[in-house]
Amino acid sequence: MSADTAGETGPRSVLVMPARVGLADVPGLCARLSALYGGGARSVVCDLGAVERADLAVVEALARLRLTARRAGREVRVVNAGSGIRELLALTGLGSLAEPPGAS
């Protein structure tokens, strides 16, 4: 699921992460991100508010989304990450992806 919003520096879109994320979901998420960029989005916010479980599949998905964004010369930000996800991101060196609670 995604939604478009107007950003100050161009179109911004939101990619909503599903409640349960498995490794098999990663290619589809990356394809959706690429499609958002192809549709004109300058930056994408990945909303993790629905994610039920903090695990390495979520970290893998976020790492791949970041790589997809960088390859497109764009950026992706993570919002609404629970404390467990933020801790896993920090442990894996990806802590800069997640904003502190309430920063969006």
PDB file of N, CA and C in Angstrom:
ATOM      1  N   MET A   1       0.848  -1.165   0.000  1.00  0.00           N
ATOM      2  CA  MET A   1       0.000   0.000   0.000  1.00  0.00           C
ATOM      3  C   MET A   1       0.894   1.228   0.000  1.00  0.00           C
ATOM      4  N   SER A   2       0.507   2.245  -0.736  1.00  0.00           N
ATOM      5  CA  SER A   2       1.257   3.485  -0.752  1.00  0.00           C
ATOM      6  C   SER A   2       0.296   4.648  -0.923  1.00  0.00           C
ATOM      7  N   ALA A   3       0.766   5.816  -0.529  1.00  0.00           N
ATOM      8  CA  ALA A   3      -0.024   7.029  -0.685  1.00  0.00           C
ATOM      9  C   ALA A   3       0.908   8.148  -1.074  1.00  0.00           C
ATOM     10  N   ASP A   4       0.436   9.056  -1.930  1.00  0.00           N
ATOM     11  CA  ASP A   4       1.248  10.191  -2.345  1.00  0.00           C
ATOM     12  C   ASP A   4       0.883  11.417  -1.532  1.00  0.00           C
ATOM     13  N   THR A   5       1.899  12.203  -1.187  1.00  0.00           N
ATOM     14  CA  THR A   5       1.690  13.474  -0.513  1.00  0.00           C
ATOM     15  C   THR A   5       2.593  14.492  -1.161  1.00  0.00           C
ATOM     16  N   ALA A   6       2.320  15.759  -0.954  1.00  0.00           N
ATOM     17  CA  ALA A   6       3.182  16.803  -1.507  1.00  0.00           C
ATOM     18  C   ALA A   6       4.258  17.135  -0.490  1.00  0.00           C
ATOM     19  N   GLY A   7       5.494  17.114  -0.919  1.00  0.00           N
ATOM     20  CA  GLY A   7       6.615  17.487  -0.069  1.00  0.00           C
ATOM     21  C   GLY A   7       7.156  18.837  -0.465  1.00  0.00           C
ATOM     22  N   GLU A   8       7.984  19.434   0.369  1.00  0.00           N
ATOM     23  CA  GLU A   8       8.523  20.755   0.083  1.00  0.00           C
ATOM     24  C   GLU A   8       9.465  20.742  -1.111  1.00  0.00           C
ATOM     25  N   THR A   9      10.174  19.645  -1.342  1.00  0.00           N
ATOM     26  CA  THR A   9      11.146  19.588  -2.426  1.00  0.00           C
ATOM     27  C   THR A   9      10.677  18.689  -3.557  1.00  0.00           C
ATOM     28  N   GLY A  10       9.402  18.429  -3.632  1.00  0.00           N
ATOM     29  CA  GLY A  10       8.864  17.578  -4.686  1.00  0.00           C
ATOM     30  C   GLY A  10       7.937  16.537  -4.091  1.00  0.00           C
ATOM     31  N   PRO A  11       7.386  15.702  -4.949  1.00  0.00           N
ATOM     32  CA  PRO A  11       6.447  14.690  -4.459  1.00  0.00           C
ATOM     33  C   PRO A  11       7.104  13.738  -3.465  1.00  0.00           C
ATOM     34  N   ARG A  12       6.358  13.394  -2.446  1.00  0.00           N
ATOM     35  CA  ARG A  12       6.825  12.420  -1.466  1.00  0.00           C
ATOM     36  C   ARG A  12       5.748  11.366  -1.344  1.00  0.00           C
ATOM     37  N   SER A  13       6.147  10.134  -1.226  1.00  0.00           N
ATOM     38  CA  SER A  13       5.203   9.030  -1.120  1.00  0.00           C
ATOM     39  C   SER A  13       5.441   8.256   0.163  1.00  0.00           C
ATOM     40  N   VAL A  14       4.425   7.507   0.548  1.00  0.00           N
ATOM     41  CA  VAL A  14       4.505   6.666   1.739  1.00  0.00           C
ATOM     42  C   VAL A  14       4.336   5.215   1.307  1.00  0.00           C
ATOM     43  N   LEU A  15       5.275   4.386   1.716  1.00  0.00           N
ATOM     44  CA  LEU A  15       5.211   2.948   1.498  1.00  0.00           C
ATOM     45  C   LEU A  15       4.887   2.323   2.850  1.00  0.00           C
ATOM     46  N   VAL A  16       3.739   1.682   2.953  1.00  0.00           N
ATOM     47  CA  VAL A  16       3.308   1.085   4.218  1.00  0.00           C
ATOM     48  C   VAL A  16       3.755  -0.365   4.249  1.00  0.00           C
ATOM     49  N   MET A  17       4.572  -0.695   5.232  1.00  0.00           N
ATOM     50  CA  MET A  17       5.066  -2.064   5.405  1.00  0.00           C
ATOM     51  C   MET A  17       3.928  -2.918   5.978  1.00  0.00           C
ATOM     52  N   PRO A  18       3.737  -4.140   5.458  1.00  0.00           N
ATOM     53  CA  PRO A  18       2.663  -4.998   5.976  1.00  0.00           C
ATOM     54  C   PRO A  18       2.934  -5.454   7.409  1.00  0.00           C
ATOM     55  N   ALA A  19       1.903  -5.960   8.054  1.00  0.00           N
ATOM     56  CA  ALA A  19       2.003  -6.405   9.446  1.00  0.00           C
ATOM     57  C   ALA A  19       3.058  -7.499   9.625  1.00  0.00           C
ATOM     58  N   ARG A  20       3.109  -8.408   8.683  1.00  0.00           N
ATOM     59  CA  ARG A  20       4.095  -9.495   8.741  1.00  0.00           C
ATOM     60  C   ARG A  20       4.955  -9.417   7.484  1.00  0.00           C
ATOM     61  N   VAL A  21       6.251  -9.428   7.700  1.00  0.00           N
ATOM     62  CA  VAL A  21       7.203  -9.331   6.595  1.00  0.00           C
ATOM     63  C   VAL A  21       8.067 -10.584   6.599  1.00  0.00           C
ATOM     64  N   GLY A  22       8.120 -11.249   5.453  1.00  0.00           N
ATOM     65  CA  GLY A  22       8.995 -12.401   5.295  1.00  0.00           C
ATOM     66  C   GLY A  22      10.023 -12.107   4.221  1.00  0.00           C
ATOM     67  N   LEU A  23      11.041 -12.916   4.145  1.00  0.00           N
ATOM     68  CA  LEU A  23      12.080 -12.702   3.142  1.00  0.00           C
ATOM     69  C   LEU A  23      11.514 -12.750   1.725  1.00  0.00           C
ATOM     70  N   ALA A  24      10.477 -13.533   1.513  1.00  0.00           N
ATOM     71  CA  ALA A  24       9.860 -13.628   0.183  1.00  0.00           C
ATOM     72  C   ALA A  24       9.155 -12.328  -0.211  1.00  0.00           C
ATOM     73  N   ASP A  25       8.864 -11.472   0.763  1.00  0.00           N
ATOM     74  CA  ASP A  25       8.200 -10.195   0.491  1.00  0.00           C
ATOM     75  C   ASP A  25       9.159  -9.108   0.007  1.00  0.00           C
ATOM     76  N   VAL A  26      10.437  -9.289   0.245  1.00  0.00           N
ATOM     77  CA  VAL A  26      11.419  -8.240  -0.020  1.00  0.00           C
ATOM     78  C   VAL A  26      11.454  -7.808  -1.493  1.00  0.00           C
ATOM     79  N   PRO A  27      11.534  -8.728  -2.464  1.00  0.00           N
ATOM     80  CA  PRO A  27      11.564  -8.271  -3.861  1.00  0.00           C
ATOM     81  C   PRO A  27      10.339  -7.442  -4.249  1.00  0.00           C
ATOM     82  N   GLY A  28       9.167  -7.822  -3.764  1.00  0.00           N
ATOM     83  CA  GLY A  28       7.957  -7.070  -4.066  1.00  0.00           C
ATOM     84  C   GLY A  28       7.973  -5.674  -3.454  1.00  0.00           C
ATOM     85  N   LEU A  29       8.477  -5.565  -2.231  1.00  0.00           N
ATOM     86  CA  LEU A  29       8.585  -4.250  -1.591  1.00  0.00           C
ATOM     87  C   LEU A  29       9.544  -3.350  -2.369  1.00  0.00           C
ATOM     88  N   CYS A  30      10.663  -3.931  -2.810  1.00  0.00           N
ATOM     89  CA  CYS A  30      11.632  -3.154  -3.590  1.00  0.00           C
ATOM     90  C   CYS A  30      11.044  -2.720  -4.925  1.00  0.00           C
ATOM     91  N   ALA A  31      10.246  -3.598  -5.536  1.00  0.00           N
ATOM     92  CA  ALA A  31       9.597  -3.245  -6.803  1.00  0.00           C
ATOM     93  C   ALA A  31       8.600  -2.114  -6.597  1.00  0.00           C
ATOM     94  N   ARG A  32       7.861  -2.141  -5.486  1.00  0.00           N
ATOM     95  CA  ARG A  32       6.918  -1.053  -5.193  1.00  0.00           C
ATOM     96  C   ARG A  32       7.649   0.257  -4.971  1.00  0.00           C
ATOM     97  N   LEU A  33       8.789   0.194  -4.273  1.00  0.00           N
ATOM     98  CA  LEU A  33       9.587   1.399  -4.052  1.00  0.00           C
ATOM     99  C   LEU A  33      10.089   1.950  -5.378  1.00  0.00           C
ATOM    100  N   SER A  34      10.601   1.092  -6.231  1.00  0.00           N
ATOM    101  CA  SER A  34      11.074   1.521  -7.550  1.00  0.00           C
ATOM    102  C   SER A  34       9.943   2.150  -8.360  1.00  0.00           C
ATOM    103  N   ALA A  35       8.737   1.583  -8.251  1.00  0.00           N
ATOM    104  CA  ALA A  35       7.590   2.127  -8.972  1.00  0.00           C
ATOM    105  C   ALA A  35       7.226   3.521  -8.455  1.00  0.00           C
ATOM    106  N   LEU A  36       7.344   3.728  -7.157  1.00  0.00           N
ATOM    107  CA  LEU A  36       7.073   5.059  -6.600  1.00  0.00           C
ATOM    108  C   LEU A  36       8.069   6.077  -7.140  1.00  0.00           C
ATOM    109  N   TYR A  37       9.344   5.685  -7.197  1.00  0.00           N
ATOM    110  CA  TYR A  37      10.353   6.586  -7.754  1.00  0.00           C
ATOM    111  C   TYR A  37      10.091   6.810  -9.238  1.00  0.00           C
ATOM    112  N   GLY A  38       9.725   5.759  -9.942  1.00  0.00           N
ATOM    113  CA  GLY A  38       9.410   5.881 -11.363  1.00  0.00           C
ATOM    114  C   GLY A  38       8.211   6.782 -11.618  1.00  0.00           C
ATOM    115  N   GLY A  39       7.326   6.886 -10.630  1.00  0.00           N
ATOM    116  CA  GLY A  39       6.159   7.750 -10.730  1.00  0.00           C
ATOM    117  C   GLY A  39       6.434   9.190 -10.349  1.00  0.00           C
ATOM    118  N   GLY A  40       7.687   9.501 -10.013  1.00  0.00           N
ATOM    119  CA  GLY A  40       8.050  10.886  -9.728  1.00  0.00           C
ATOM    120  C   GLY A  40       8.343  11.220  -8.282  1.00  0.00           C
ATOM    121  N   ALA A  41       8.231  10.262  -7.375  1.00  0.00           N
ATOM    122  CA  ALA A  41       8.521  10.552  -5.966  1.00  0.00           C
ATOM    123  C   ALA A  41      10.000  10.875  -5.791  1.00  0.00           C
ATOM    124  N   ARG A  42      10.294  11.941  -5.083  1.00  0.00           N
ATOM    125  CA  ARG A  42      11.688  12.295  -4.777  1.00  0.00           C
ATOM    126  C   ARG A  42      12.175  11.556  -3.537  1.00  0.00           C
ATOM    127  N   SER A  43      11.302  11.435  -2.555  1.00  0.00           N
ATOM    128  CA  SER A  43      11.644  10.681  -1.357  1.00  0.00           C
ATOM    129  C   SER A  43      10.436   9.844  -0.959  1.00  0.00           C
ATOM    130  N   VAL A  44      10.706   8.774  -0.269  1.00  0.00           N
ATOM    131  CA  VAL A  44       9.655   7.869   0.183  1.00  0.00           C
ATOM    132  C   VAL A  44       9.825   7.653   1.678  1.00  0.00           C
ATOM    133  N   VAL A  45       8.701   7.706   2.372  1.00  0.00           N
ATOM    134  CA  VAL A  45       8.661   7.395   3.790  1.00  0.00           C
ATOM    135  C   VAL A  45       8.107   5.986   3.919  1.00  0.00           C
ATOM    136  N   CYS A  46       8.837   5.127   4.606  1.00  0.00           N
ATOM    137  CA  CYS A  46       8.400   3.755   4.847  1.00  0.00           C
ATOM    138  C   CYS A  46       7.782   3.699   6.244  1.00  0.00           C
ATOM    139  N   ASP A  47       6.486   3.488   6.294  1.00  0.00           N
ATOM    140  CA  ASP A  47       5.740   3.478   7.552  1.00  0.00           C
ATOM    141  C   ASP A  47       5.696   2.055   8.107  1.00  0.00           C
ATOM    142  N   LEU A  48       6.288   1.881   9.291  1.00  0.00           N
ATOM    143  CA  LEU A  48       6.350   0.564   9.921  1.00  0.00           C
ATOM    144  C   LEU A  48       5.319   0.391  11.026  1.00  0.00           C
ATOM    145  N   GLY A  49       4.359   1.303  11.103  1.00  0.00           N
ATOM    146  CA  GLY A  49       3.379   1.270  12.184  1.00  0.00           C
ATOM    147  C   GLY A  49       2.586  -0.013  12.283  1.00  0.00           C
ATOM    148  N   ALA A  50       2.376  -0.713  11.179  1.00  0.00           N
ATOM    149  CA  ALA A  50       1.582  -1.945  11.187  1.00  0.00           C
ATOM    150  C   ALA A  50       2.409  -3.189  11.485  1.00  0.00           C
ATOM    151  N   VAL A  51       3.741  -3.085  11.460  1.00  0.00           N
ATOM    152  CA  VAL A  51       4.595  -4.260  11.638  1.00  0.00           C
ATOM    153  C   VAL A  51       4.403  -4.830  13.044  1.00  0.00           C
ATOM    154  N   GLU A  52       4.074  -6.111  13.090  1.00  0.00           N
ATOM    155  CA  GLU A  52       3.762  -6.770  14.358  1.00  0.00           C
ATOM    156  C   GLU A  52       4.971  -7.356  15.070  1.00  0.00           C
ATOM    157  N   ARG A  53       6.009  -7.689  14.320  1.00  0.00           N
ATOM    158  CA  ARG A  53       7.135  -8.407  14.921  1.00  0.00           C
ATOM    159  C   ARG A  53       8.453  -7.847  14.405  1.00  0.00           C
ATOM    160  N   ALA A  54       9.324  -7.509  15.333  1.00  0.00           N
ATOM    161  CA  ALA A  54      10.660  -7.041  14.971  1.00  0.00           C
ATOM    162  C   ALA A  54      11.553  -8.259  14.781  1.00  0.00           C
ATOM    163  N   ASP A  55      11.976  -8.487  13.534  1.00  0.00           N
ATOM    164  CA  ASP A  55      12.875  -9.609  13.288  1.00  0.00           C
ATOM    165  C   ASP A  55      13.813  -9.257  12.137  1.00  0.00           C
ATOM    166  N   LEU A  56      14.691 -10.184  11.813  1.00  0.00           N
ATOM    167  CA  LEU A  56      15.686  -9.901  10.782  1.00  0.00           C
ATOM    168  C   LEU A  56      15.097  -9.831   9.388  1.00  0.00           C
ATOM    169  N   ALA A  57      13.909 -10.364   9.166  1.00  0.00           N
ATOM    170  CA  ALA A  57      13.265 -10.205   7.858  1.00  0.00           C
ATOM    171  C   ALA A  57      12.906  -8.737   7.627  1.00  0.00           C
ATOM    172  N   VAL A  58      12.463  -8.054   8.677  1.00  0.00           N
ATOM    173  CA  VAL A  58      12.160  -6.622   8.569  1.00  0.00           C
ATOM    174  C   VAL A  58      13.452  -5.846   8.317  1.00  0.00           C
ATOM    175  N   VAL A  59      14.511  -6.206   9.020  1.00  0.00           N
ATOM    176  CA  VAL A  59      15.803  -5.537   8.820  1.00  0.00           C
ATOM    177  C   VAL A  59      16.300  -5.764   7.394  1.00  0.00           C
ATOM    178  N   GLU A  60      16.178  -6.980   6.894  1.00  0.00           N
ATOM    179  CA  GLU A  60      16.579  -7.284   5.514  1.00  0.00           C
ATOM    180  C   GLU A  60      15.779  -6.447   4.526  1.00  0.00           C
ATOM    181  N   ALA A  61      14.465  -6.366   4.755  1.00  0.00           N
ATOM    182  CA  ALA A  61      13.615  -5.571   3.865  1.00  0.00           C
ATOM    183  C   ALA A  61      14.055  -4.111   3.867  1.00  0.00           C
ATOM    184  N   LEU A  62      14.320  -3.565   5.040  1.00  0.00           N
ATOM    185  CA  LEU A  62      14.732  -2.160   5.127  1.00  0.00           C
ATOM    186  C   LEU A  62      16.099  -1.929   4.493  1.00  0.00           C
ATOM    187  N   ALA A  63      17.012  -2.877   4.677  1.00  0.00           N
ATOM    188  CA  ALA A  63      18.330  -2.751   4.048  1.00  0.00           C
ATOM    189  C   ALA A  63      18.205  -2.767   2.528  1.00  0.00           C
ATOM    190  N   ARG A  64      17.370  -3.643   2.007  1.00  0.00           N
ATOM    191  CA  ARG A  64      17.172  -3.723   0.559  1.00  0.00           C
ATOM    192  C   ARG A  64      16.456  -2.495   0.014  1.00  0.00           C
ATOM    193  N   LEU A  65      15.503  -1.973   0.792  1.00  0.00           N
ATOM    194  CA  LEU A  65      14.823  -0.746   0.374  1.00  0.00           C
ATOM    195  C   LEU A  65      15.809   0.423   0.324  1.00  0.00           C
ATOM    196  N   ARG A  66      16.685   0.473   1.308  1.00  0.00           N
ATOM    197  CA  ARG A  66      17.711   1.529   1.309  1.00  0.00           C
ATOM    198  C   ARG A  66      18.620   1.396   0.084  1.00  0.00           C
ATOM    199  N   LEU A  67      19.027   0.190  -0.228  1.00  0.00           N
ATOM    200  CA  LEU A  67      19.877  -0.051  -1.397  1.00  0.00           C
ATOM    201  C   LEU A  67      19.146   0.332  -2.686  1.00  0.00           C
ATOM    202  N   THR A  68      17.887  -0.032  -2.777  1.00  0.00           N
ATOM    203  CA  THR A  68      17.077   0.332  -3.947  1.00  0.00           C
ATOM    204  C   THR A  68      17.004   1.848  -4.092  1.00  0.00           C
ATOM    205  N   ALA A  69      16.790   2.532  -2.983  1.00  0.00           N
ATOM    206  CA  ALA A  69      16.717   3.998  -3.016  1.00  0.00           C
ATOM    207  C   ALA A  69      18.042   4.600  -3.469  1.00  0.00           C
ATOM    208  N   ARG A  70      19.131   4.117  -2.919  1.00  0.00           N
ATOM    209  CA  ARG A  70      20.441   4.658  -3.285  1.00  0.00           C
ATOM    210  C   ARG A  70      20.763   4.409  -4.753  1.00  0.00           C
ATOM    211  N   ARG A  71      20.400   3.251  -5.242  1.00  0.00           N
ATOM    212  CA  ARG A  71      20.640   2.957  -6.662  1.00  0.00           C
ATOM    213  C   ARG A  71      19.851   3.892  -7.570  1.00  0.00           C
ATOM    214  N   ALA A  72      18.709   4.369  -7.074  1.00  0.00           N
ATOM    215  CA  ALA A  72      17.882   5.296  -7.846  1.00  0.00           C
ATOM    216  C   ALA A  72      18.299   6.753  -7.602  1.00  0.00           C
ATOM    217  N   GLY A  73      19.289   6.951  -6.744  1.00  0.00           N
ATOM    218  CA  GLY A  73      19.717   8.307  -6.418  1.00  0.00           C
ATOM    219  C   GLY A  73      18.711   9.043  -5.551  1.00  0.00           C
ATOM    220  N   ARG A  74      17.943   8.300  -4.791  1.00  0.00           N
ATOM    221  CA  ARG A  74      16.875   8.869  -3.952  1.00  0.00           C
ATOM    222  C   ARG A  74      17.096   8.483  -2.502  1.00  0.00           C
ATOM    223  N   GLU A  75      16.121   8.799  -1.683  1.00  0.00           N
ATOM    224  CA  GLU A  75      16.220   8.464  -0.265  1.00  0.00           C
ATOM    225  C   GLU A  75      14.939   7.806   0.219  1.00  0.00           C
ATOM    226  N   VAL A  76      15.089   7.044   1.284  1.00  0.00           N
ATOM    227  CA  VAL A  76      13.946   6.437   1.958  1.00  0.00           C
ATOM    228  C   VAL A  76      14.151   6.673   3.455  1.00  0.00           C
ATOM    229  N   ARG A  77      13.075   7.063   4.122  1.00  0.00           N
ATOM    230  CA  ARG A  77      13.100   7.257   5.571  1.00  0.00           C
ATOM    231  C   ARG A  77      12.104   6.296   6.204  1.00  0.00           C
ATOM    232  N   VAL A  78      12.376   5.921   7.432  1.00  0.00           N
ATOM    233  CA  VAL A  78      11.513   4.997   8.166  1.00  0.00           C
ATOM    234  C   VAL A  78      10.842   5.765   9.299  1.00  0.00           C
ATOM    235  N   VAL A  79       9.525   5.596   9.404  1.00  0.00           N
ATOM    236  CA  VAL A  79       8.778   6.210  10.501  1.00  0.00           C
ATOM    237  C   VAL A  79       7.934   5.149  11.197  1.00  0.00           C
ATOM    238  N   ASN A  80       7.545   5.463  12.416  1.00  0.00           N
ATOM    239  CA  ASN A  80       6.684   4.600  13.230  1.00  0.00           C
ATOM    240  C   ASN A  80       7.303   3.236  13.509  1.00  0.00           C
ATOM    241  N   ALA A  81       8.613   3.203  13.629  1.00  0.00           N
ATOM    242  CA  ALA A  81       9.302   1.954  13.974  1.00  0.00           C
ATOM    243  C   ALA A  81       9.212   1.751  15.480  1.00  0.00           C
ATOM    244  N   GLY A  82       8.816   0.565  15.879  1.00  0.00           N
ATOM    245  CA  GLY A  82       8.776   0.239  17.298  1.00  0.00           C
ATOM    246  C   GLY A  82      10.176   0.131  17.877  1.00  0.00           C
ATOM    247  N   SER A  83      10.245   0.072  19.185  1.00  0.00           N
ATOM    248  CA  SER A  83      11.553   0.039  19.853  1.00  0.00           C
ATOM    249  C   SER A  83      12.360  -1.199  19.449  1.00  0.00           C
ATOM    250  N   GLY A  84      11.701  -2.332  19.256  1.00  0.00           N
ATOM    251  CA  GLY A  84      12.413  -3.546  18.858  1.00  0.00           C
ATOM    252  C   GLY A  84      13.060  -3.408  17.490  1.00  0.00           C
ATOM    253  N   ILE A  85      12.344  -2.805  16.564  1.00  0.00           N
ATOM    254  CA  ILE A  85      12.903  -2.590  15.226  1.00  0.00           C
ATOM    255  C   ILE A  85      14.053  -1.597  15.301  1.00  0.00           C
ATOM    256  N   ARG A  86      13.875  -0.514  16.059  1.00  0.00           N
ATOM    257  CA  ARG A  86      14.955   0.475  16.187  1.00  0.00           C
ATOM    258  C   ARG A  86      16.208  -0.153  16.795  1.00  0.00           C
ATOM    259  N   GLU A  87      16.027  -1.026  17.768  1.00  0.00           N
ATOM    260  CA  GLU A  87      17.174  -1.702  18.384  1.00  0.00           C
ATOM    261  C   GLU A  87      17.879  -2.614  17.385  1.00  0.00           C
ATOM    262  N   LEU A  88      17.109  -3.384  16.614  1.00  0.00           N
ATOM    263  CA  LEU A  88      17.715  -4.255  15.606  1.00  0.00           C
ATOM    264  C   LEU A  88      18.442  -3.438  14.540  1.00  0.00           C
ATOM    265  N   LEU A  89      17.848  -2.334  14.112  1.00  0.00           N
ATOM    266  CA  LEU A  89      18.513  -1.480  13.120  1.00  0.00           C
ATOM    267  C   LEU A  89      19.826  -0.936  13.672  1.00  0.00           C
ATOM    268  N   ALA A  90      19.817  -0.530  14.930  1.00  0.00           N
ATOM    269  CA  ALA A  90      21.045  -0.016  15.546  1.00  0.00           C
ATOM    270  C   ALA A  90      22.116  -1.104  15.618  1.00  0.00           C
ATOM    271  N   LEU A  91      21.723  -2.314  15.995  1.00  0.00           N
ATOM    272  CA  LEU A  91      22.674  -3.426  16.096  1.00  0.00           C
ATOM    273  C   LEU A  91      23.287  -3.806  14.752  1.00  0.00           C
ATOM    274  N   THR A  92      22.543  -3.574  13.677  1.00  0.00           N
ATOM    275  CA  THR A  92      23.023  -3.952  12.352  1.00  0.00           C
ATOM    276  C   THR A  92      23.656  -2.782  11.595  1.00  0.00           C
ATOM    277  N   GLY A  93      23.794  -1.646  12.258  1.00  0.00           N
ATOM    278  CA  GLY A  93      24.417  -0.488  11.628  1.00  0.00           C
ATOM    279  C   GLY A  93      23.474   0.317  10.750  1.00  0.00           C
ATOM    280  N   LEU A  94      22.181   0.055  10.838  1.00  0.00           N
ATOM    281  CA  LEU A  94      21.193   0.759  10.032  1.00  0.00           C
ATOM    282  C   LEU A  94      20.329   1.702  10.862  1.00  0.00           C
ATOM    283  N   GLY A  95      20.793   2.031  12.045  1.00  0.00           N
ATOM    284  CA  GLY A  95      20.006   2.869  12.955  1.00  0.00           C
ATOM    285  C   GLY A  95      19.634   4.219  12.388  1.00  0.00           C
ATOM    286  N   SER A  96      20.417   4.727  11.447  1.00  0.00           N
ATOM    287  CA  SER A  96      20.126   6.039  10.874  1.00  0.00           C
ATOM    288  C   SER A  96      18.858   6.033  10.018  1.00  0.00           C
ATOM    289  N   LEU A  97      18.373   4.864   9.647  1.00  0.00           N
ATOM    290  CA  LEU A  97      17.143   4.776   8.852  1.00  0.00           C
ATOM    291  C   LEU A  97      15.903   5.186   9.645  1.00  0.00           C
ATOM    292  N   ALA A  98      15.888   4.896  10.931  1.00  0.00           N
ATOM    293  CA  ALA A  98      14.692   5.106  11.744  1.00  0.00           C
ATOM    294  C   ALA A  98      14.740   6.442  12.474  1.00  0.00           C
ATOM    295  N   GLU A  99      13.657   7.151  12.375  1.00  0.00           N
ATOM    296  CA  GLU A  99      13.525   8.397  13.121  1.00  0.00           C
ATOM    297  C   GLU A  99      13.088   8.088  14.543  1.00  0.00           C
ATOM    298  N   PRO A 100      13.454   8.953  15.477  1.00  0.00           N
ATOM    299  CA  PRO A 100      12.941   8.774  16.834  1.00  0.00           C
ATOM    300  C   PRO A 100      11.418   8.902  16.856  1.00  0.00           C
ATOM    301  N   PRO A 101      10.743   8.308  17.834  1.00  0.00           N
ATOM    302  CA  PRO A 101       9.274   8.394  17.893  1.00  0.00           C
ATOM    303  C   PRO A 101       8.833   9.857  17.919  1.00  0.00           C
ATOM    304  N   GLY A 102       7.775  10.157  17.147  1.00  0.00           N
ATOM    305  CA  GLY A 102       7.220  11.497  17.118  1.00  0.00           C
ATOM    306  C   GLY A 102       7.952  12.485  16.239  1.00  0.00           C
ATOM    307  N   ALA A 103       8.992  12.065  15.534  1.00  0.00           N
ATOM    308  CA  ALA A 103       9.775  12.981  14.701  1.00  0.00           C
ATOM    309  C   ALA A 103       9.154  13.214  13.343  1.00  0.00           C
ATOM    310  N   SER A 104       8.158  12.398  12.948  1.00  0.00           N
ATOM    311  CA  SER A 104       7.550  12.588  11.627  1.00  0.00           C
ATOM    312  C   SER A 104       6.569  13.669  11.717  1.00  0.00           C
TER     313      SER A 104
END
